[in-house]
Protein backbone atom coordinates (compact mmCIF):
# COMPACT_ATOMS: atom_id res chain seq x y z
CA MET A 1 -97.03 -198.99 -84.85
CA LYS A 2 -93.23 -198.64 -84.94
CA ILE A 3 -91.64 -197.18 -88.06
CA TYR A 4 -89.10 -199.45 -89.75
CA ASN A 5 -85.47 -198.50 -89.36
CA GLU A 6 -82.65 -200.89 -90.23
CA GLU A 7 -80.40 -199.65 -87.43
CA LYS A 8 -83.26 -200.05 -84.96
CA VAL A 9 -83.75 -203.67 -86.03
CA GLU A 10 -80.09 -204.44 -85.38
CA ARG A 11 -80.14 -202.65 -82.02
CA VAL A 12 -83.16 -204.67 -80.89
CA LEU A 13 -81.52 -207.90 -82.06
CA ASP A 14 -78.25 -207.05 -80.31
CA THR A 15 -80.12 -206.33 -77.06
CA LEU A 16 -82.02 -209.61 -77.24
CA HIS A 17 -78.95 -211.66 -78.14
CA GLU A 18 -77.10 -210.11 -75.21
CA ASP A 19 -79.90 -210.87 -72.78
CA SER A 20 -80.13 -214.44 -74.09
CA LYS A 21 -76.58 -215.06 -72.85
CA LYS A 22 -78.12 -215.46 -69.39
CA ASP A 23 -80.06 -218.48 -70.61
CA TYR A 24 -77.76 -220.90 -68.82
CA LEU A 25 -79.35 -219.74 -65.56
CA ARG A 26 -82.90 -219.92 -66.90
CA ILE A 27 -82.37 -223.32 -68.50
CA GLY A 28 -80.83 -224.64 -65.31
CA LYS A 29 -83.94 -223.74 -63.36
CA GLY A 30 -86.07 -225.50 -65.97
CA LEU A 31 -83.99 -228.65 -65.85
CA VAL A 32 -84.38 -228.85 -62.07
CA LYS A 33 -88.15 -229.10 -62.56
CA SER A 34 -87.72 -232.08 -64.87
CA ILE A 35 -85.77 -234.24 -62.43
CA PHE A 36 -88.86 -236.15 -61.34
CA ARG A 37 -90.95 -235.92 -64.54
CA PRO A 38 -90.49 -235.46 -68.30
CA MET A 39 -89.49 -232.02 -69.50
CA GLN A 40 -92.32 -229.70 -70.54
CA PRO A 41 -92.27 -226.50 -72.63
CA SER A 42 -93.44 -224.55 -69.58
CA ASP A 43 -90.20 -225.47 -67.80
CA PHE A 44 -88.47 -223.00 -70.12
CA GLU A 45 -91.02 -220.20 -70.00
CA HIS A 46 -88.31 -217.68 -69.10
CA ALA A 47 -85.59 -218.94 -71.44
CA TYR A 48 -84.92 -217.64 -74.93
CA LEU A 49 -83.52 -220.91 -76.34
CA PRO A 50 -82.47 -218.72 -79.27
CA ILE A 51 -80.85 -219.15 -82.63
CA SER A 52 -77.41 -217.57 -82.95
CA LYS A 53 -76.77 -214.29 -84.74
CA LYS A 54 -75.05 -216.26 -87.51
CA GLN A 55 -78.11 -218.48 -87.91
CA GLY A 56 -80.37 -215.44 -88.01
CA GLU A 57 -78.30 -213.88 -90.76
CA THR A 58 -78.38 -217.19 -92.67
CA LEU A 59 -82.18 -217.33 -92.40
CA ARG A 60 -82.49 -213.75 -93.58
CA ASP A 61 -80.16 -214.33 -96.54
CA LEU A 62 -81.93 -217.55 -97.60
CA ILE A 63 -85.34 -215.87 -97.61
CA ILE A 64 -84.16 -212.79 -99.50
CA GLU A 65 -82.06 -214.68 -102.05
CA ASN A 66 -84.86 -217.16 -102.79
CA GLU A 67 -87.55 -214.45 -102.82
CA CYS A 68 -89.64 -216.27 -100.21
CA LYS A 69 -92.85 -214.48 -99.23
CA ASN A 70 -94.97 -216.95 -97.26
CA VAL A 71 -92.92 -217.93 -94.20
CA VAL A 72 -94.15 -220.19 -91.41
CA GLU A 73 -92.27 -220.40 -88.11
CA PHE A 74 -92.74 -223.08 -85.47
CA GLY A 75 -91.56 -221.65 -82.15
CA THR A 76 -91.03 -217.89 -81.86
CA SER A 77 -89.98 -217.90 -78.17
CA PHE A 78 -89.15 -214.23 -77.42
CA GLY A 79 -89.02 -213.27 -81.09
CA ILE A 80 -85.33 -213.21 -82.05
CA SER A 81 -85.78 -215.54 -85.02
CA THR A 82 -89.08 -213.90 -85.91
CA ILE A 83 -87.36 -210.53 -86.29
CA TYR A 84 -84.81 -211.98 -88.70
CA LEU A 85 -87.59 -213.67 -90.70
CA ALA A 86 -89.75 -210.54 -90.73
CA ASP A 87 -86.86 -208.32 -91.80
CA ALA A 88 -86.36 -210.63 -94.78
CA VAL A 89 -90.00 -210.89 -95.88
CA ARG A 90 -90.32 -207.11 -95.57
CA LYS A 91 -87.88 -206.86 -98.45
CA ASN A 92 -89.84 -209.47 -100.45
CA GLY A 93 -93.33 -208.15 -99.75
CA GLY A 94 -94.30 -211.18 -97.70
CA LYS A 95 -95.43 -212.18 -94.22
CA VAL A 96 -94.41 -214.47 -91.36
CA ILE A 97 -96.96 -216.69 -89.66
CA SER A 98 -95.34 -217.60 -86.36
CA THR A 99 -96.45 -219.84 -83.51
CA GLU A 100 -95.77 -219.99 -79.79
CA LEU A 101 -97.26 -222.37 -77.26
CA ILE A 102 -96.61 -220.25 -74.14
CA GLU A 103 -98.73 -217.11 -74.02
CA SER A 104 -96.32 -215.03 -71.92
CA LYS A 105 -93.50 -215.71 -74.39
CA ALA A 106 -95.72 -214.93 -77.36
CA LYS A 107 -96.75 -211.58 -75.88
CA LYS A 108 -93.13 -210.65 -75.21
CA ALA A 109 -92.19 -211.70 -78.75
CA ILE A 110 -94.91 -209.47 -80.16
CA ARG A 111 -93.58 -206.52 -78.14
CA ASN A 112 -90.05 -207.19 -79.40
CA VAL A 113 -91.19 -207.41 -83.02
CA GLU A 114 -93.13 -204.17 -82.54
CA GLU A 115 -90.04 -202.51 -81.07
CA ALA A 116 -88.10 -203.57 -84.18
CA GLY A 117 -90.75 -201.91 -86.37
CA LEU A 118 -91.70 -205.15 -88.12
CA ILE A 119 -95.10 -206.05 -86.65
CA ASP A 120 -96.88 -205.33 -89.96
CA PHE A 121 -95.10 -208.36 -91.41
CA VAL A 122 -95.85 -210.82 -88.61
CA GLU A 123 -98.82 -212.72 -87.21
CA VAL A 124 -98.19 -214.69 -84.03
CA LYS A 125 -100.58 -217.56 -83.30
CA ILE A 126 -100.67 -218.53 -79.62
CA GLY A 127 -101.20 -222.15 -78.61
CA ASP A 128 -100.39 -225.66 -79.80
CA ALA A 129 -99.07 -225.31 -83.36
CA MET A 130 -100.82 -228.52 -84.41
CA LYS A 131 -104.07 -226.70 -83.70
CA THR A 132 -103.23 -223.09 -84.56
CA LEU A 133 -101.89 -224.17 -87.98
CA GLU A 134 -104.39 -226.93 -88.74
CA ASN A 135 -106.40 -224.63 -91.04
CA TYR A 136 -103.36 -223.16 -92.76
CA ALA A 137 -103.99 -223.29 -96.50
CA GLU A 138 -101.41 -221.12 -98.31
CA PRO A 139 -98.34 -222.17 -100.29
CA ILE A 140 -95.29 -222.27 -98.00
CA ASP A 141 -92.10 -220.75 -99.38
CA PHE A 142 -90.06 -221.17 -96.20
CA LEU A 143 -90.71 -223.28 -93.10
CA PHE A 144 -88.61 -222.74 -89.98
CA LEU A 145 -88.79 -225.51 -87.38
CA ASP A 146 -87.54 -224.52 -83.94
CA GLY A 147 -90.23 -225.51 -81.44
CA TRP A 148 -90.68 -228.65 -79.31
CA LYS A 149 -88.59 -231.24 -81.15
CA ASP A 150 -90.96 -234.22 -81.08
CA LEU A 151 -93.48 -232.12 -83.02
CA TYR A 152 -91.15 -231.51 -85.97
CA LEU A 153 -92.38 -234.58 -87.86
CA PRO A 154 -96.16 -234.31 -87.29
CA LEU A 155 -96.11 -230.59 -88.05
CA PHE A 156 -94.01 -231.15 -91.17
CA GLN A 157 -96.43 -233.83 -92.36
CA MET A 158 -99.44 -231.62 -91.68
CA LEU A 159 -97.94 -228.79 -93.76
CA GLU A 160 -96.49 -230.97 -96.56
CA PRO A 161 -99.49 -230.42 -98.87
CA PHE A 162 -98.54 -226.73 -99.06
CA PHE A 163 -94.94 -227.26 -100.17
CA HIS A 164 -94.00 -226.47 -103.76
CA ALA A 165 -90.97 -226.84 -106.01
CA LYS A 166 -89.09 -223.93 -104.40
CA THR A 167 -90.02 -224.51 -100.75
CA LEU A 168 -87.17 -224.47 -98.26
CA ILE A 169 -87.33 -226.07 -94.79
CA TYR A 170 -84.81 -225.07 -92.12
CA ALA A 171 -84.87 -227.32 -89.04
CA ASP A 172 -82.82 -226.23 -86.05
CA ASN A 173 -81.38 -228.40 -83.26
CA MET A 174 -80.91 -231.45 -85.45
CA ASP A 175 -78.18 -232.53 -83.05
CA MET A 176 -80.88 -233.28 -80.44
CA SER A 177 -82.20 -236.83 -80.12
CA ASP A 178 -85.88 -235.85 -80.32
CA THR A 179 -85.44 -234.76 -83.94
CA LYS A 180 -84.53 -238.32 -85.00
CA TYR A 181 -87.96 -239.23 -86.37
CA TYR A 182 -88.08 -236.07 -88.46
CA ASN A 183 -84.57 -236.71 -89.76
CA ASP A 184 -85.35 -240.33 -90.61
CA TYR A 185 -88.55 -239.38 -92.43
CA VAL A 186 -86.91 -236.74 -94.62
CA VAL A 187 -83.86 -238.88 -95.39
CA ARG A 188 -86.05 -241.89 -96.20
CA LYS A 189 -87.97 -239.83 -98.77
CA GLN A 190 -84.93 -239.11 -100.92
CA SER A 191 -87.08 -239.16 -104.04
CA LEU A 192 -89.01 -236.16 -102.69
CA TYR A 193 -86.49 -234.23 -100.60
CA THR A 194 -82.86 -233.17 -100.77
CA SER A 195 -81.27 -232.30 -97.44
CA GLN A 196 -77.94 -231.03 -96.19
CA MET A 197 -76.62 -230.48 -92.69
CA ILE A 198 -75.50 -226.90 -92.06
CA GLU A 199 -74.28 -224.82 -89.12
CA GLY A 200 -71.75 -227.51 -88.26
CA GLY A 201 -74.44 -230.20 -88.11
CA LYS A 202 -76.73 -228.21 -85.84
CA ALA A 203 -79.37 -227.59 -88.49
CA MET A 204 -80.78 -229.21 -91.61
CA LEU A 205 -81.79 -227.39 -94.78
CA THR A 206 -84.27 -229.31 -96.93
CA SER A 207 -85.73 -228.59 -100.35
CA LEU A 208 -87.86 -230.58 -102.74
CA ALA A 209 -85.86 -232.83 -105.02
CA ALA A 210 -85.46 -231.62 -108.57
């Protein structure tokens, strides 16, 4: 077990963010595979597809300021976002339940979270999130959506029963076409949800309507 150290967390994050700058090469290789068939998550097994440092700091601030303890993450990839989430719930006495479809990415994410000294605040479930989270039964204070985009809506609907008056939902990549059904669903339910586009329209922050 790694001992928590704030400077260590930032060093690990800086290292990962720097390495993720090479994603244009990794993504390019994945896109080549999808020329003759639909894209698959495995096409990007070696790509971070990360949130930005600014987004990570926003996530951390939102969780701390709203005293969120039960955090669920859809799509850990190599663990950059998970480290930000875990650093926040550490301050609140909470825990992050994260998910990752690709086993090799999940194992690397776990190692990165361990290196940051935050593994005590994280549980990574490996496999299809619709299955690994199907028995989830705790109140959700904060839901972070950043996995395969066409699963945003079904996963959101599956977890809706565990939202409460102070739940926050942060959905990344809302500028991508595959998030349309999720966007339409949330906007259509204006009596239940209040949403605003943030990060220059890249993400959507949703809460339950007052």
